[in-house]
């Protein structure tokens, strides 16, 4: 999980997942999911579990 301040001063949150068999130095495809709606922020500063 990570966060950063946007240019407008808002704190933005993000999370990235690595494959179970992750190997450092190997390139993996990236999928980016962005929710820009006005109602709910899907990324929070919490752990939701993976399995």
N, C-alpha and C. Protein backbone atom coordinates (compact mmCIF):
# COMPACT_ATOMS: atom_id res chain seq x y z
N UNK A 1 0.85 -1.17 0.00
CA UNK A 1 0.00 0.00 0.00
C UNK A 1 0.90 1.23 0.00
N UNK A 2 0.40 2.27 -0.62
CA UNK A 2 1.15 3.51 -0.64
C UNK A 2 0.17 4.68 -0.72
N UNK A 3 0.67 5.86 -0.43
CA UNK A 3 -0.14 7.07 -0.59
C UNK A 3 0.77 8.22 -0.98
N UNK A 4 0.18 9.25 -1.55
CA UNK A 4 0.92 10.45 -1.93
C UNK A 4 -0.04 11.63 -1.97
N UNK A 5 0.49 12.82 -1.90
CA UNK A 5 -0.31 14.04 -1.99
C UNK A 5 -0.44 14.43 -3.45
N UNK A 6 -1.68 14.71 -3.88
CA UNK A 6 -1.90 15.17 -5.25
C UNK A 6 -1.53 16.65 -5.35
N UNK A 7 -1.50 17.16 -6.57
CA UNK A 7 -1.18 18.58 -6.77
C UNK A 7 -2.18 19.48 -6.06
N UNK A 8 -3.41 19.00 -5.90
CA UNK A 8 -4.44 19.80 -5.23
C UNK A 8 -4.41 19.65 -3.71
N UNK A 9 -3.48 18.81 -3.20
CA UNK A 9 -3.33 18.67 -1.76
C UNK A 9 -4.08 17.50 -1.14
N UNK A 10 -4.82 16.73 -1.93
CA UNK A 10 -5.55 15.58 -1.41
C UNK A 10 -4.61 14.38 -1.27
N UNK A 11 -4.83 13.55 -0.27
CA UNK A 11 -4.07 12.32 -0.12
C UNK A 11 -4.69 11.24 -0.99
N UNK A 12 -3.87 10.65 -1.85
CA UNK A 12 -4.32 9.60 -2.75
C UNK A 12 -3.74 8.27 -2.26
N UNK A 13 -4.55 7.21 -2.28
CA UNK A 13 -4.12 5.90 -1.80
C UNK A 13 -4.04 4.91 -2.95
N UNK A 14 -3.12 3.98 -2.87
CA UNK A 14 -2.99 2.95 -3.90
C UNK A 14 -2.51 1.65 -3.28
N UNK A 15 -2.66 0.58 -4.04
CA UNK A 15 -2.21 -0.73 -3.58
C UNK A 15 -1.76 -1.51 -4.80
N UNK A 16 -0.69 -2.25 -4.67
CA UNK A 16 -0.28 -3.13 -5.76
C UNK A 16 -0.10 -4.54 -5.23
N UNK A 17 -0.36 -5.49 -6.09
CA UNK A 17 -0.28 -6.90 -5.75
C UNK A 17 0.82 -7.54 -6.59
N UNK A 18 1.58 -8.41 -5.99
CA UNK A 18 2.59 -9.19 -6.71
C UNK A 18 2.09 -10.62 -6.85
N UNK A 19 2.51 -11.30 -7.93
CA UNK A 19 2.12 -12.71 -8.09
C UNK A 19 2.69 -13.57 -6.96
N UNK A 20 2.04 -14.69 -6.67
CA UNK A 20 2.52 -15.59 -5.62
C UNK A 20 3.95 -16.06 -5.88
N UNK A 21 4.29 -16.26 -7.14
CA UNK A 21 5.62 -16.75 -7.49
C UNK A 21 6.53 -15.60 -7.95
N UNK A 22 6.37 -14.43 -7.37
CA UNK A 22 7.13 -13.23 -7.76
C UNK A 22 8.64 -13.48 -7.68
N UNK A 23 9.34 -13.06 -8.73
CA UNK A 23 10.80 -13.15 -8.77
C UNK A 23 11.34 -11.77 -9.12
N UNK A 24 12.20 -11.25 -8.28
CA UNK A 24 12.77 -9.93 -8.51
C UNK A 24 13.54 -9.90 -9.82
N UNK A 25 13.38 -8.84 -10.59
CA UNK A 25 14.08 -8.69 -11.86
C UNK A 25 13.31 -9.19 -13.06
N UNK A 26 12.25 -9.99 -12.83
CA UNK A 26 11.42 -10.49 -13.93
C UNK A 26 10.34 -9.45 -14.21
N UNK A 27 10.09 -9.18 -15.50
CA UNK A 27 9.05 -8.22 -15.87
C UNK A 27 7.70 -8.93 -15.93
N UNK A 28 6.68 -8.32 -15.33
CA UNK A 28 5.33 -8.86 -15.31
C UNK A 28 4.38 -7.86 -15.95
N UNK A 29 3.28 -8.34 -16.56
CA UNK A 29 2.29 -7.41 -17.11
C UNK A 29 1.62 -6.64 -15.97
N UNK A 30 1.17 -5.45 -16.26
CA UNK A 30 0.55 -4.60 -15.26
C UNK A 30 -0.91 -4.33 -15.64
N UNK A 31 -1.79 -4.42 -14.66
CA UNK A 31 -3.19 -4.07 -14.85
C UNK A 31 -3.47 -2.91 -13.90
N UNK A 32 -4.02 -1.84 -14.44
CA UNK A 32 -4.33 -0.68 -13.61
C UNK A 32 -5.84 -0.52 -13.53
N UNK A 33 -6.36 -0.44 -12.32
CA UNK A 33 -7.78 -0.22 -12.10
C UNK A 33 -7.93 1.13 -11.44
N UNK A 34 -8.70 2.01 -12.05
CA UNK A 34 -8.89 3.35 -11.53
C UNK A 34 -10.37 3.61 -11.40
N UNK A 35 -10.78 4.03 -10.22
CA UNK A 35 -12.17 4.42 -10.02
C UNK A 35 -12.19 5.92 -9.83
N UNK A 36 -12.81 6.63 -10.72
CA UNK A 36 -12.84 8.08 -10.64
C UNK A 36 -14.21 8.62 -10.29
N UNK A 37 -15.07 7.78 -9.75
CA UNK A 37 -16.44 8.20 -9.45
C UNK A 37 -16.52 9.11 -8.23
N UNK A 38 -17.66 9.74 -8.06
CA UNK A 38 -17.83 10.69 -6.97
C UNK A 38 -18.26 10.07 -5.64
N UNK A 39 -18.55 8.78 -5.61
CA UNK A 39 -19.21 8.25 -4.41
C UNK A 39 -18.30 7.57 -3.40
N UNK A 40 -17.47 6.65 -3.84
CA UNK A 40 -16.72 5.87 -2.88
C UNK A 40 -15.30 5.65 -3.37
N UNK A 41 -14.37 5.74 -2.45
CA UNK A 41 -12.97 5.44 -2.77
C UNK A 41 -12.75 3.97 -2.49
N UNK A 42 -12.36 3.21 -3.50
CA UNK A 42 -12.20 1.76 -3.35
C UNK A 42 -10.89 1.38 -2.68
N UNK A 43 -9.86 2.22 -2.79
CA UNK A 43 -8.57 1.93 -2.18
C UNK A 43 -8.52 2.64 -0.84
N UNK A 44 -8.27 1.90 0.22
CA UNK A 44 -8.18 2.47 1.56
C UNK A 44 -6.87 2.04 2.20
N UNK A 45 -6.53 2.64 3.29
CA UNK A 45 -5.31 2.31 4.00
C UNK A 45 -5.57 1.13 4.94
N UNK A 46 -5.90 -0.03 4.35
CA UNK A 46 -6.19 -1.22 5.13
C UNK A 46 -5.90 -2.46 4.27
N UNK A 47 -5.78 -3.61 4.93
CA UNK A 47 -5.51 -4.87 4.25
C UNK A 47 -6.81 -5.63 4.08
N UNK A 48 -7.16 -6.00 2.87
CA UNK A 48 -8.42 -6.70 2.61
C UNK A 48 -8.24 -8.21 2.49
N UNK A 49 -7.01 -8.69 2.46
CA UNK A 49 -6.77 -10.13 2.35
C UNK A 49 -6.77 -10.57 0.90
N UNK A 50 -6.05 -11.62 0.62
CA UNK A 50 -5.93 -12.09 -0.75
C UNK A 50 -6.46 -13.49 -0.96
N UNK A 51 -6.47 -14.34 0.06
CA UNK A 51 -6.85 -15.75 -0.16
C UNK A 51 -7.95 -16.18 0.74
